[in-house]
Amino acid sequence: MTTLIDKIEMLIKREKTTPERKKEDTTKSSSEILSELFSAFNADPPKIEEIPFKKSKKGRKKHEKDKKKHK
């Protein structure tokens, strides 16, 4: 019976000996994902207008003024 460590070592050896696979860019936009989904059902994907991303003001730090003590 092989132990878990033996199985892991076998997988590592197998991975080293197999030719490298092409890594596809898996990052897709939401419109690409929707078009693929709707094409499976032979339907047109919905039209989505691109809305520019606005940064929230909460993330910005305000400049704090140092208060000086007067004698």
N, C-alpha and C. Protein backbone atom coordinates (compact mmCIF):
# COMPACT_ATOMS: atom_id res chain seq x y z
N MET A 1 0.85 -1.19 0.00
CA MET A 1 0.00 0.00 0.00
C MET A 1 0.89 1.25 0.00
N THR A 2 0.59 2.13 -0.93
CA THR A 2 1.41 3.33 -1.03
C THR A 2 0.90 4.40 -0.07
N THR A 3 1.82 5.11 0.47
CA THR A 3 1.44 6.18 1.39
C THR A 3 1.14 7.45 0.62
N LEU A 4 0.63 8.40 1.32
CA LEU A 4 0.29 9.68 0.71
C LEU A 4 1.54 10.37 0.17
N ILE A 5 2.63 10.27 0.89
CA ILE A 5 3.89 10.88 0.45
C ILE A 5 4.37 10.23 -0.83
N ASP A 6 4.26 8.91 -0.93
CA ASP A 6 4.66 8.21 -2.15
C ASP A 6 3.82 8.66 -3.34
N LYS A 7 2.52 8.82 -3.11
CA LYS A 7 1.63 9.26 -4.19
C LYS A 7 1.99 10.67 -4.65
N ILE A 8 2.30 11.53 -3.70
CA ILE A 8 2.68 12.90 -4.05
C ILE A 8 3.98 12.90 -4.84
N GLU A 9 4.95 12.10 -4.42
CA GLU A 9 6.22 12.02 -5.14
C GLU A 9 6.02 11.49 -6.55
N MET A 10 5.13 10.51 -6.72
CA MET A 10 4.85 9.98 -8.05
C MET A 10 4.22 11.05 -8.93
N LEU A 11 3.31 11.84 -8.37
CA LEU A 11 2.68 12.91 -9.14
C LEU A 11 3.70 13.97 -9.54
N ILE A 12 4.62 14.29 -8.64
CA ILE A 12 5.65 15.28 -8.95
C ILE A 12 6.54 14.77 -10.08
N LYS A 13 6.94 13.50 -10.02
CA LYS A 13 7.77 12.92 -11.07
C LYS A 13 7.04 12.93 -12.40
N ARG A 14 5.76 12.57 -12.37
CA ARG A 14 4.96 12.53 -13.59
C ARG A 14 4.83 13.93 -14.18
N GLU A 15 4.64 14.92 -13.33
CA GLU A 15 4.52 16.30 -13.79
C GLU A 15 5.82 16.79 -14.42
N LYS A 16 6.94 16.37 -13.86
CA LYS A 16 8.23 16.78 -14.40
C LYS A 16 8.51 16.14 -15.75
N THR A 17 8.04 14.91 -15.96
CA THR A 17 8.33 14.21 -17.20
C THR A 17 7.36 14.54 -18.32
N THR A 18 6.17 15.04 -18.00
CA THR A 18 5.21 15.36 -19.05
C THR A 18 5.59 16.66 -19.72
N PRO A 19 5.34 16.77 -21.02
CA PRO A 19 5.67 18.03 -21.71
C PRO A 19 4.80 19.15 -21.17
N GLU A 20 5.35 20.34 -21.22
CA GLU A 20 4.62 21.49 -20.68
C GLU A 20 3.38 21.76 -21.52
N ARG A 21 2.31 22.00 -20.81
CA ARG A 21 1.05 22.32 -21.47
C ARG A 21 1.00 23.82 -21.71
N LYS A 22 0.28 24.18 -22.75
CA LYS A 22 0.11 25.60 -23.02
C LYS A 22 -0.85 26.17 -21.99
N LYS A 23 -0.42 27.23 -21.37
CA LYS A 23 -1.28 27.89 -20.39
C LYS A 23 -2.08 28.96 -21.12
N GLU A 24 -3.38 28.75 -21.17
CA GLU A 24 -4.24 29.70 -21.84
C GLU A 24 -4.60 30.82 -20.88
N ASP A 25 -4.81 31.97 -21.44
CA ASP A 25 -5.22 33.10 -20.63
C ASP A 25 -6.68 32.88 -20.22
N THR A 26 -6.89 32.62 -18.95
CA THR A 26 -8.23 32.30 -18.48
C THR A 26 -9.00 33.53 -18.03
N THR A 27 -8.40 34.70 -18.13
CA THR A 27 -9.09 35.91 -17.73
C THR A 27 -10.02 36.34 -18.86
N LYS A 28 -11.31 36.39 -18.55
CA LYS A 28 -12.29 36.79 -19.54
C LYS A 28 -13.15 37.91 -18.96
N SER A 29 -13.61 38.75 -19.85
CA SER A 29 -14.51 39.81 -19.40
C SER A 29 -15.90 39.22 -19.20
N SER A 30 -16.72 39.94 -18.48
CA SER A 30 -18.07 39.46 -18.22
C SER A 30 -18.86 39.32 -19.51
N SER A 31 -18.62 40.21 -20.46
CA SER A 31 -19.35 40.12 -21.73
C SER A 31 -18.94 38.88 -22.52
N GLU A 32 -17.65 38.49 -22.44
CA GLU A 32 -17.21 37.27 -23.12
C GLU A 32 -17.86 36.03 -22.50
N ILE A 33 -17.93 36.01 -21.18
CA ILE A 33 -18.55 34.88 -20.49
C ILE A 33 -20.02 34.78 -20.84
N LEU A 34 -20.71 35.93 -20.85
CA LEU A 34 -22.13 35.92 -21.20
C LEU A 34 -22.36 35.48 -22.64
N SER A 35 -21.50 35.92 -23.55
CA SER A 35 -21.69 35.53 -24.95
C SER A 35 -21.50 34.03 -25.14
N GLU A 36 -20.53 33.44 -24.41
CA GLU A 36 -20.34 31.99 -24.48
C GLU A 36 -21.54 31.25 -23.90
N LEU A 37 -22.06 31.76 -22.81
CA LEU A 37 -23.21 31.12 -22.17
C LEU A 37 -24.44 31.17 -23.07
N PHE A 38 -24.72 32.34 -23.63
CA PHE A 38 -25.90 32.50 -24.46
C PHE A 38 -25.75 31.76 -25.79
N SER A 39 -24.52 31.61 -26.28
CA SER A 39 -24.33 30.88 -27.54
C SER A 39 -24.65 29.41 -27.36
N ALA A 40 -24.52 28.89 -26.14
CA ALA A 40 -24.88 27.50 -25.89
C ALA A 40 -26.38 27.29 -26.07
N PHE A 41 -27.17 28.34 -25.87
CA PHE A 41 -28.62 28.25 -26.02
C PHE A 41 -29.10 28.89 -27.31
N ASN A 42 -28.17 29.19 -28.22
CA ASN A 42 -28.49 29.82 -29.50
C ASN A 42 -29.29 31.11 -29.31
N ALA A 43 -28.85 31.93 -28.37
CA ALA A 43 -29.52 33.20 -28.11
C ALA A 43 -28.48 34.31 -28.15
N ASP A 44 -28.96 35.52 -28.40
CA ASP A 44 -28.07 36.68 -28.40
C ASP A 44 -27.83 37.13 -26.97
N PRO A 45 -26.60 37.44 -26.63
CA PRO A 45 -26.33 37.93 -25.28
C PRO A 45 -26.91 39.32 -25.08
N PRO A 46 -27.24 39.67 -23.85
CA PRO A 46 -27.79 41.01 -23.61
C PRO A 46 -26.74 42.08 -23.84
N LYS A 47 -27.19 43.22 -24.25
CA LYS A 47 -26.29 44.35 -24.48
C LYS A 47 -26.03 45.04 -23.14
N ILE A 48 -24.76 45.11 -22.78
CA ILE A 48 -24.39 45.75 -21.52
C ILE A 48 -23.49 46.92 -21.85
N GLU A 49 -23.88 48.09 -21.36
CA GLU A 49 -23.05 49.27 -21.59
C GLU A 49 -21.94 49.29 -20.56
N GLU A 50 -20.75 49.57 -21.03
CA GLU A 50 -19.61 49.63 -20.13
C GLU A 50 -19.70 50.90 -19.29
N ILE A 51 -19.66 50.73 -17.99
CA ILE A 51 -19.71 51.86 -17.07
C ILE A 51 -18.29 52.07 -16.55
N PRO A 52 -17.77 53.27 -16.69
CA PRO A 52 -16.40 53.50 -16.20
C PRO A 52 -16.34 53.31 -14.69
N PHE A 53 -15.26 52.72 -14.25
CA PHE A 53 -15.07 52.44 -12.83
C PHE A 53 -14.69 53.72 -12.10
N LYS A 54 -15.43 54.02 -11.05
CA LYS A 54 -15.13 55.20 -10.25
C LYS A 54 -14.54 54.76 -8.93
N LYS A 55 -13.46 55.39 -8.55
CA LYS A 55 -12.84 55.07 -7.27
C LYS A 55 -13.65 55.70 -6.16
N SER A 56 -13.83 54.95 -5.10
CA SER A 56 -14.58 55.50 -3.98
C SER A 56 -13.70 56.47 -3.21
N LYS A 57 -14.34 57.44 -2.62
CA LYS A 57 -13.61 58.44 -1.86
C LYS A 57 -13.20 57.90 -0.49
N LYS A 58 -13.82 56.82 -0.06
CA LYS A 58 -13.50 56.25 1.24
C LYS A 58 -12.07 55.72 1.28
N GLY A 59 -11.59 55.23 0.16
CA GLY A 59 -10.27 54.64 0.12
C GLY A 59 -9.15 55.67 0.19
N ARG A 60 -9.47 56.89 -0.10
CA ARG A 60 -8.44 57.93 -0.11
C ARG A 60 -8.23 58.46 1.31
N LYS A 61 -6.99 58.69 1.64
CA LYS A 61 -6.68 59.25 2.95
C LYS A 61 -6.63 60.77 2.84
N LYS A 62 -7.21 61.40 3.82
CA LYS A 62 -7.18 62.86 3.84
C LYS A 62 -5.91 63.30 4.55
N HIS A 63 -5.41 64.42 4.11
CA HIS A 63 -4.21 64.98 4.73
C HIS A 63 -4.61 65.58 6.08
N GLU A 64 -3.98 65.08 7.12
CA GLU A 64 -4.28 65.59 8.45
C GLU A 64 -3.27 66.67 8.81
N LYS A 65 -3.77 67.77 9.30
CA LYS A 65 -2.90 68.86 9.71
C LYS A 65 -2.46 68.63 11.15
N ASP A 66 -1.19 68.86 11.39
CA ASP A 66 -0.67 68.74 12.75
C ASP A 66 -1.05 69.99 13.54
N LYS A 67 -1.57 69.76 14.71
CA LYS A 67 -1.92 70.89 15.57
C LYS A 67 -0.71 71.24 16.42
N LYS A 68 -0.37 72.50 16.42
CA LYS A 68 0.75 72.96 17.22
C LYS A 68 0.22 73.52 18.53
N LYS A 69 0.93 73.20 19.59
CA LYS A 69 0.54 73.73 20.89
C LYS A 69 1.16 75.12 21.06
N HIS A 70 0.34 76.04 21.50
CA HIS A 70 0.83 77.40 21.74
C HIS A 70 1.08 77.57 23.23
N LYS A 71 2.21 78.20 23.57
CA LYS A 71 2.54 78.43 24.98
C LYS A 71 2.08 79.77 25.44
